[in-house]
Amino acid sequence: MKRIAILGSTGSIGVSTLDVIARHPERFEVVALCARSNAQKLVEQCIRFSPRYAVMIEPAAARQVRDRLRAANVGTEVLSSPGDIERMAALPEVDMVMAAIVGAVGLPAVLAAACAGKTILLANKEALVMSGPLFISAVRESGATLLPIDSEHNAVFQALPRGFERGLELAGVRKIILTASGGPFRTMPVEKLRDVTPDQACAHPNWVMGRKISVDSATMMNKALEVIEARWLFDALPAQIDVLVHPQSIVHSMVEYRDGSVIAQLGNPDMRTPIACALAYPERIDAGVAPLNLTTVGRLDFEAVDDTRFPCVKLAYQALRQGGTAATVLNAANEIAVEAFLDRRVAFTAIAEIVERVLDSTPLDGMNTLEDVYQADSLARANAKQALRAVA
């Protein structure tokens, strides 16, 4: 029996994780559920899975959850104090932590899980993007196990040989190839991108996701962040990471070997596949995902990334070349820019422009402590808010 804490249980990854867990009650016990503000969903999850703890970040929502669970005679302890999510991630009785809180707010809890030596199912990009060297160091020092949940990184993980941690060169790997759907604007004339709306940007053709990550997919900033993640997850040089646009989202990523072999992981676009892979690793369990029918798919297309249409991807490589806190700055600027776009304060095309301005103008210091990360994040957010006025 594996005991799990789910950070971000009411989001799409958290919901999918619980769907897989529900199919295997003999394998998994839910110890803690953590969410930001969706009281209704968290109450439903607590009633169904009876976790020992539930954490709601917003105090008012926490009171709603506490009252409703008491009325339903559910014995889950509801918490909402600062630091409670980090405490859940490091609980002695927790074996696995699903890290699915979106944004920089999830960083302290993921680091707490790493320092506690947990098996971490990593769906939070920011842990690696913002603090890659610190996070990987914590994982190695504590003996934690890191399993990627992003479909692309999970695909690479599946396509790599056991023992790849000793180095990609020793494993015979020439290149990691991340695939990208291209989002909803892959074929839209570039001159029309400025006028797209938030609702259009959030209408992903293949995946059902939250609004922020949907916008990141539309700009391909999600792929930019995944390039940075791949650098740390697989100890890969930037030159060893490529991106291909693959509109069908069937080939989730590939690994090219020195002998000319290319091993790809294929499957229907359903996040329950990588979730189940990580939950049961190294075993395989039913995820509730429909089998892939290649005769129905019919064709698999691949395209190079158009830097004019998707300038965010090249910004990731720029940040990796710059080093230090550059990736932290890129991520923070993007969060501010996407929020402004969703609020209709800037155009869609301004997102990449704001990120580039901030990346070029913000001092990039070394990353020795978590405080360095927070300072870089705070400065980048302030600079991004100034850049908003310049592009609005």
Protein backbone atom coordinates (compact mmCIF):
# COMPACT_ATOMS: atom_id res chain seq x y z
CA MET A 1 0.00 0.00 0.00
CA LYS A 2 1.44 3.36 -1.07
CA ARG A 3 0.35 6.39 0.95
CA ILE A 4 0.04 9.63 -0.99
CA ALA A 5 -0.41 13.36 -0.48
CA ILE A 6 -1.86 15.27 -3.42
CA LEU A 7 -0.88 18.93 -3.62
CA GLY A 8 -3.38 20.60 -5.94
CA SER A 9 -6.07 17.94 -5.67
CA THR A 10 -8.90 19.99 -7.21
CA GLY A 11 -7.01 20.88 -10.39
CA SER A 12 -7.00 18.75 -13.52
CA ILE A 13 -3.91 16.74 -12.51
CA GLY A 14 -5.22 16.18 -9.01
CA VAL A 15 -8.61 15.04 -10.29
CA SER A 16 -6.96 12.65 -12.77
CA THR A 17 -4.70 11.30 -10.04
CA LEU A 18 -7.67 10.51 -7.83
CA ASP A 19 -9.41 8.86 -10.79
CA VAL A 20 -6.48 6.46 -11.19
CA ILE A 21 -6.24 5.87 -7.44
CA ALA A 22 -9.95 5.06 -7.26
CA ARG A 23 -9.37 2.21 -9.72
CA HIS A 24 -6.81 0.62 -7.38
CA PRO A 25 -7.97 1.02 -3.75
CA GLU A 26 -5.84 -1.96 -2.73
CA ARG A 27 -2.67 -0.16 -3.87
CA PHE A 28 -3.07 3.44 -2.69
CA GLU A 29 -4.20 5.32 0.42
CA VAL A 30 -4.86 9.08 0.24
CA VAL A 31 -3.38 10.67 3.37
CA ALA A 32 -3.67 14.38 2.50
CA LEU A 33 -5.43 16.55 -0.07
CA CYS A 34 -4.38 20.17 -0.58
CA ALA A 35 -6.11 22.86 -2.64
CA ARG A 36 -6.32 26.61 -3.03
CA SER A 37 -9.99 27.67 -2.97
CA ASN A 38 -12.36 25.12 -4.55
CA ALA A 39 -14.23 24.18 -1.39
CA GLN A 40 -16.98 22.24 -3.16
CA LYS A 41 -14.57 19.95 -5.00
CA LEU A 42 -12.37 19.39 -1.94
CA VAL A 43 -15.40 18.43 0.17
CA GLU A 44 -16.47 15.89 -2.47
CA GLN A 45 -12.96 14.44 -2.58
CA CYS A 46 -12.73 14.18 1.21
CA ILE A 47 -16.09 12.42 1.42
CA ARG A 48 -15.00 9.90 -1.21
CA PHE A 49 -11.39 9.25 -0.15
CA SER A 50 -11.43 10.04 3.61
CA PRO A 51 -7.95 11.54 3.85
CA ARG A 52 -6.48 12.14 7.29
CA TYR A 53 -5.80 15.78 6.39
CA ALA A 54 -7.15 18.40 4.02
CA VAL A 55 -5.45 21.75 3.48
CA MET A 56 -7.25 24.72 1.96
CA ILE A 57 -5.02 27.73 1.33
CA GLU A 58 -7.78 30.34 1.56
CA PRO A 59 -9.06 30.55 5.18
CA ALA A 60 -12.67 31.38 4.25
CA ALA A 61 -12.85 28.35 1.96
CA ALA A 62 -11.23 26.24 4.67
CA ARG A 63 -14.04 27.16 7.07
CA GLN A 64 -16.59 26.05 4.49
CA VAL A 65 -14.81 22.72 4.04
CA ARG A 66 -14.52 22.20 7.80
CA ASP A 67 -18.22 22.91 8.41
CA ARG A 68 -19.44 20.75 5.57
CA LEU A 69 -17.25 17.79 6.49
CA ARG A 70 -18.39 18.02 10.09
CA ALA A 71 -22.00 18.00 8.90
CA ALA A 72 -21.25 14.95 6.74
CA ASN A 73 -19.59 13.21 9.70
CA VAL A 74 -16.25 12.95 7.89
CA GLY A 75 -13.28 12.89 10.27
CA THR A 76 -10.77 14.65 8.02
CA GLU A 77 -8.75 17.33 9.83
CA VAL A 78 -8.96 20.60 7.88
CA LEU A 79 -5.94 22.91 8.00
CA SER A 80 -5.26 26.37 6.58
CA SER A 81 -2.27 27.81 8.43
CA PRO A 82 0.87 28.99 6.60
CA GLY A 83 3.24 26.09 6.13
CA ASP A 84 0.57 23.39 6.31
CA ILE A 85 1.09 22.28 2.71
CA GLU A 86 4.83 21.95 3.28
CA ARG A 87 4.07 19.91 6.41
CA MET A 88 1.79 17.58 4.41
CA ALA A 89 4.55 17.08 1.83
CA ALA A 90 6.99 15.97 4.52
CA LEU A 91 4.67 13.85 6.71
CA PRO A 92 6.41 10.66 7.90
CA GLU A 93 3.35 8.61 6.96
CA VAL A 94 3.41 9.86 3.35
CA ASP A 95 5.35 7.79 0.81
CA MET A 96 4.51 9.69 -2.37
CA VAL A 97 3.74 13.34 -3.09
CA MET A 98 1.84 14.40 -6.20
CA ALA A 99 3.16 17.94 -6.74
CA ALA A 100 0.46 19.52 -8.89
CA ILE A 101 0.07 23.04 -7.47
CA VAL A 102 0.41 25.45 -10.38
CA GLY A 103 2.82 28.36 -10.12
CA ALA A 104 5.55 29.57 -7.79
CA VAL A 105 3.29 29.06 -4.76
CA GLY A 106 3.93 25.32 -5.00
CA LEU A 107 7.72 25.60 -4.75
CA PRO A 108 8.18 25.43 -0.94
CA ALA A 109 6.10 22.27 -0.63
CA VAL A 110 7.92 20.49 -3.46
CA LEU A 111 11.26 21.37 -1.89
CA ALA A 112 9.98 20.12 1.47
CA ALA A 113 9.09 16.78 -0.15
CA ALA A 114 12.53 16.60 -1.74
CA CYS A 115 14.33 17.33 1.53
CA ALA A 116 12.20 14.67 3.25
CA GLY A 117 13.29 12.03 0.73
CA LYS A 118 9.83 11.35 -0.67
CA THR A 119 8.91 9.83 -4.00
CA ILE A 120 7.86 12.97 -5.87
CA LEU A 121 5.44 12.83 -8.79
CA LEU A 122 6.37 16.15 -10.31
CA ALA A 123 3.70 18.05 -12.21
CA ASN A 124 4.76 21.46 -10.90
CA LYS A 125 7.04 22.99 -13.54
CA GLU A 126 8.24 25.80 -11.32
CA ALA A 127 10.22 23.52 -9.00
CA LEU A 128 12.70 22.85 -11.78
CA VAL A 129 12.28 26.06 -13.76
CA MET A 130 12.72 28.41 -10.81
CA SER A 131 15.15 26.45 -8.70
CA GLY A 132 16.53 23.62 -10.80
CA PRO A 133 20.01 23.35 -9.22
CA LEU A 134 18.68 23.67 -5.66
CA PHE A 135 15.84 21.21 -6.21
CA ILE A 136 17.99 18.55 -7.89
CA SER A 137 20.61 18.95 -5.16
CA ALA A 138 17.93 18.38 -2.48
CA VAL A 139 16.67 15.28 -4.31
CA ARG A 140 20.17 13.80 -4.53
CA GLU A 141 21.18 14.62 -0.97
CA SER A 142 18.03 13.14 0.58
CA GLY A 143 17.74 10.12 -1.73
CA ALA A 144 14.32 11.21 -2.92
CA THR A 145 12.88 9.65 -6.09
CA LEU A 146 11.79 12.03 -8.84
CA LEU A 147 9.19 10.85 -11.38
CA PRO A 148 8.02 13.32 -14.05
CA ILE A 149 4.30 13.74 -14.71
CA ASP A 150 4.33 16.10 -17.69
CA SER A 151 3.39 13.85 -20.60
CA GLU A 152 6.51 14.86 -22.52
CA HIS A 153 9.00 14.25 -19.71
CA ASN A 154 7.25 11.08 -18.66
CA ALA A 155 7.55 9.89 -22.27
CA VAL A 156 11.29 10.62 -22.24
CA PHE A 157 11.58 8.85 -18.88
CA GLN A 158 9.91 5.78 -20.37
CA ALA A 159 12.12 5.88 -23.49
CA LEU A 160 15.40 6.16 -21.59
CA PRO A 161 17.21 3.05 -20.33
CA ARG A 162 17.47 2.19 -16.64
CA GLY A 163 20.55 3.81 -15.19
CA PHE A 164 20.41 6.89 -17.40
CA GLU A 165 21.10 8.91 -14.26
CA ARG A 166 24.79 8.06 -14.69
CA GLY A 167 24.80 10.33 -17.74
CA LEU A 168 23.18 10.54 -21.15
CA GLU A 169 26.51 9.95 -22.90
CA LEU A 170 27.05 6.69 -21.05
CA ALA A 171 23.48 5.69 -21.94
CA GLY A 172 24.23 6.24 -25.62
CA VAL A 173 21.75 9.10 -25.91
CA ARG A 174 22.30 11.67 -28.62
CA LYS A 175 19.21 13.82 -28.21
CA ILE A 176 15.95 14.28 -26.32
CA ILE A 177 13.09 15.37 -28.58
CA LEU A 178 10.12 17.04 -26.88
CA THR A 179 6.91 17.20 -28.90
CA ALA A 180 4.42 20.06 -28.84
CA SER A 181 0.89 20.17 -30.20
CA GLY A 182 1.29 23.72 -31.46
CA GLY A 183 -1.85 24.72 -29.55
CA PRO A 184 -4.88 26.41 -31.06
CA PHE A 185 -2.94 28.92 -33.21
CA ARG A 186 -0.55 26.63 -35.05
CA THR A 187 -1.98 27.55 -38.46
CA MET A 188 -3.46 30.99 -37.73
CA PRO A 189 -1.85 33.78 -39.79
CA VAL A 190 0.81 35.42 -37.61
CA GLU A 191 -0.59 38.90 -38.22
CA LYS A 192 -3.88 37.84 -36.58
CA LEU A 193 -2.32 36.57 -33.35
CA ARG A 194 -2.39 39.99 -31.73
CA ASP A 195 -6.20 39.98 -31.74
CA VAL A 196 -6.90 36.54 -30.28
CA THR A 197 -8.99 36.42 -27.10
CA PRO A 198 -8.38 34.59 -23.82
CA ASP A 199 -11.23 32.19 -24.62
CA GLN A 200 -9.62 31.33 -27.94
CA ALA A 201 -6.25 30.83 -26.30
CA CYS A 202 -7.76 28.50 -23.71
CA ALA A 203 -9.49 26.29 -26.30
CA HIS A 204 -6.75 23.66 -26.69
CA PRO A 205 -7.47 21.21 -29.53
CA ASN A 206 -6.23 18.08 -27.70
CA TRP A 207 -6.01 18.63 -23.93
CA VAL A 208 -8.36 19.88 -21.21
CA MET A 209 -6.30 22.13 -18.92
CA GLY A 210 -6.52 25.17 -16.67
CA ARG A 211 -6.53 28.65 -18.18
CA LYS A 212 -2.96 29.61 -17.35
CA ILE A 213 -1.39 26.45 -18.73
CA SER A 214 -3.69 26.63 -21.76
CA VAL A 215 -2.33 30.09 -22.58
CA ASP A 216 1.19 28.74 -22.06
CA SER A 217 0.40 26.04 -24.60
CA ALA A 218 -0.92 28.63 -27.05
CA THR A 219 2.30 30.67 -26.80
CA MET A 220 4.39 27.47 -26.48
CA MET A 221 5.83 28.90 -23.28
CA ASN A 222 4.86 25.55 -21.77
CA LYS A 223 7.37 23.94 -24.13
CA ALA A 224 9.95 26.58 -23.25
CA LEU A 225 9.54 25.68 -19.59
CA GLU A 226 9.72 21.98 -20.46
CA VAL A 227 13.06 22.52 -22.20
CA ILE A 228 14.37 23.95 -18.93
CA GLU A 229 12.81 21.09 -16.96
CA ALA A 230 14.39 18.52 -19.26
CA ARG A 231 17.78 20.09 -18.73
CA TRP A 232 17.54 19.33 -14.99
CA LEU A 233 15.47 16.14 -15.01
CA PHE A 234 17.82 14.34 -17.36
CA ASP A 235 21.04 16.30 -16.76
CA ALA A 236 20.98 17.25 -20.44
CA LEU A 237 22.88 20.02 -22.19
CA PRO A 238 20.68 22.54 -24.05
CA ALA A 239 22.15 21.25 -27.33
CA GLN A 240 20.82 17.78 -26.45
CA ILE A 241 17.20 18.99 -26.29
CA ASP A 242 15.09 19.59 -29.40
CA VAL A 243 11.43 20.53 -29.87
CA LEU A 244 9.16 19.34 -32.68
CA VAL A 245 5.55 20.39 -33.32
CA HIS A 246 3.34 17.31 -33.52
CA PRO A 247 -0.31 18.39 -33.85
CA GLN A 248 -1.89 14.98 -33.13
CA SER A 249 -0.38 14.75 -29.60
CA ILE A 250 0.05 10.98 -30.02
CA VAL A 251 3.86 10.80 -29.87
CA HIS A 252 4.50 12.41 -26.51
CA SER A 253 8.27 12.63 -26.90
CA MET A 254 11.26 10.70 -28.25
CA VAL A 255 14.84 9.79 -27.44
CA GLU A 256 17.42 9.56 -30.21
CA TYR A 257 20.33 7.21 -29.60
CA ARG A 258 23.89 7.24 -30.90
CA ASP A 259 23.27 4.15 -33.05
CA GLY A 260 20.52 5.91 -35.00
CA SER A 261 17.60 4.39 -33.09
CA VAL A 262 14.74 6.66 -32.04
CA ILE A 263 12.48 5.38 -29.26
CA ALA A 264 9.13 7.12 -28.87
CA GLN A 265 6.30 6.83 -26.35
CA LEU A 266 2.84 6.93 -27.93
CA GLY A 267 -0.62 7.07 -26.43
CA ASN A 268 -3.93 8.87 -26.49
CA PRO A 269 -3.70 12.41 -25.05
CA ASP A 270 -4.82 11.61 -21.51
CA MET A 271 -2.85 12.66 -18.43
CA ARG A 272 -3.92 9.53 -16.60
CA THR A 273 -1.30 7.59 -18.57
CA PRO A 274 1.79 9.37 -17.15
CA ILE A 275 0.09 9.60 -13.75
CA ALA A 276 -0.49 5.84 -13.63
CA CYS A 277 3.03 5.21 -14.89
CA ALA A 278 4.48 7.21 -12.01
CA LEU A 279 2.07 5.96 -9.34
CA ALA A 280 2.86 2.31 -9.98
CA TYR A 281 6.48 2.61 -11.19
CA PRO A 282 8.14 0.30 -12.10
CA GLU A 283 4.92 -1.70 -12.53
CA ARG A 284 2.09 -0.96 -14.99
CA ILE A 285 -1.54 -0.56 -13.95
CA ASP A 286 -4.83 0.25 -15.64
CA ALA A 287 -5.30 4.01 -15.99
CA GLY A 288 -8.78 4.02 -17.51
CA VAL A 289 -7.34 5.32 -20.78
CA ALA A 290 -8.76 4.10 -24.09
CA PRO A 291 -6.30 1.96 -26.11
CA LEU A 292 -4.53 3.77 -28.94
CA ASN A 293 -5.91 2.87 -32.37
CA LEU A 294 -3.33 3.93 -34.94
CA THR A 295 -5.62 3.04 -37.83
CA THR A 296 -8.04 5.66 -36.55
CA VAL A 297 -5.27 8.21 -36.04
CA GLY A 298 -4.20 7.59 -39.62
CA ARG A 299 -1.18 9.90 -39.75
CA LEU A 300 1.47 11.46 -37.56
CA ASP A 301 2.81 14.87 -38.62
CA PHE A 302 5.88 16.73 -37.41
CA GLU A 303 6.99 20.31 -38.00
CA ALA A 304 9.87 22.50 -36.94
CA VAL A 305 9.07 25.24 -34.41
CA ASP A 306 8.33 28.58 -36.11
CA ASP A 307 10.27 31.11 -34.03
CA THR A 308 8.21 33.98 -35.46
CA ARG A 309 4.95 32.40 -34.34
CA PHE A 310 6.35 30.93 -31.11
CA PRO A 311 9.19 33.19 -29.86
CA CYS A 312 8.90 31.86 -26.31
CA VAL A 313 10.77 28.65 -27.14
CA LYS A 314 14.00 30.43 -28.05
CA LEU A 315 13.72 32.41 -24.81
CA ALA A 316 14.14 29.16 -22.88
CA TYR A 317 17.43 28.44 -24.59
CA GLN A 318 18.49 32.04 -23.92
CA ALA A 319 17.72 31.60 -20.22
CA LEU A 320 19.71 28.35 -20.08
CA ARG A 321 22.68 30.05 -21.73
CA GLN A 322 22.48 32.95 -19.27
CA GLY A 323 22.28 30.64 -16.26
CA GLY A 324 21.93 31.83 -12.68
CA THR A 325 18.41 33.03 -11.97
CA ALA A 326 17.50 33.60 -15.65
CA ALA A 327 14.94 30.79 -15.72
CA THR A 328 13.37 32.14 -12.52
CA VAL A 329 13.06 35.55 -14.17
CA LEU A 330 11.56 34.06 -17.33
CA ASN A 331 8.93 32.14 -15.36
CA ALA A 332 7.94 35.09 -13.16
CA ALA A 333 7.63 37.47 -16.10
CA ASN A 334 5.48 34.97 -17.95
CA GLU A 335 3.10 34.56 -15.00
CA ILE A 336 2.55 38.32 -14.83
CA ALA A 337 2.14 38.62 -18.61
CA VAL A 338 -0.34 35.72 -18.85
CA GLU A 339 -2.39 37.12 -15.98
CA ALA A 340 -2.56 40.47 -17.78
CA PHE A 341 -3.61 38.78 -21.02
CA LEU A 342 -6.36 36.78 -19.28
CA ASP A 343 -7.58 40.05 -17.76
CA ARG A 344 -7.57 41.56 -21.28
CA ARG A 345 -5.00 44.21 -20.33
CA VAL A 346 -2.47 43.25 -23.00
CA ALA A 347 -2.56 41.53 -26.37
CA PHE A 348 -1.67 37.88 -26.82
CA THR A 349 1.54 38.73 -28.68
CA ALA A 350 2.63 41.00 -25.82
CA ILE A 351 3.25 37.97 -23.57
CA ALA A 352 6.50 37.00 -25.28
CA GLU A 353 7.50 40.63 -25.67
CA ILE A 354 7.12 41.28 -21.94
CA VAL A 355 9.09 38.15 -21.04
CA GLU A 356 11.93 39.08 -23.39
CA ARG A 357 12.07 42.65 -22.05
CA VAL A 358 12.29 41.42 -18.48
CA LEU A 359 14.83 38.73 -19.29
CA ASP A 360 17.05 41.30 -20.99
CA SER A 361 16.74 43.97 -18.30
CA THR A 362 16.74 42.08 -14.98
CA PRO A 363 20.07 41.42 -13.20
CA LEU A 364 20.79 37.69 -13.21
CA ASP A 365 22.55 36.60 -10.04
CA GLY A 366 23.83 33.24 -8.89
CA MET A 367 21.50 30.73 -7.25
CA ASN A 368 22.87 29.54 -3.94
CA THR A 369 19.83 29.62 -1.67
CA LEU A 370 16.05 29.64 -1.92
CA GLU A 371 16.18 33.30 -0.90
CA ASP A 372 18.08 34.02 -4.14
CA VAL A 373 15.20 32.43 -6.04
CA TYR A 374 12.57 34.48 -4.23
CA GLN A 375 14.47 37.73 -4.70
CA ALA A 376 14.88 37.10 -8.43
CA ASP A 377 11.22 36.13 -8.70
CA SER A 378 10.08 39.29 -6.88
CA LEU A 379 12.30 41.59 -8.94
CA ALA A 380 11.20 39.99 -12.20
CA ARG A 381 7.53 40.41 -11.28
CA ALA A 382 8.08 44.08 -10.51
CA ASN A 383 9.91 44.57 -13.80
CA ALA A 384 7.19 42.71 -15.67
CA LYS A 385 4.55 45.04 -14.25
CA GLN A 386 6.57 47.97 -15.55
CA ALA A 387 6.90 46.26 -18.93
CA LEU A 388 3.10 45.87 -19.06
CA ARG A 389 2.75 49.63 -19.28
CA ALA A 390 5.29 49.82 -22.08
CA VAL A 391 3.47 47.31 -24.31
CA ALA A 392 -0.15 48.03 -23.40
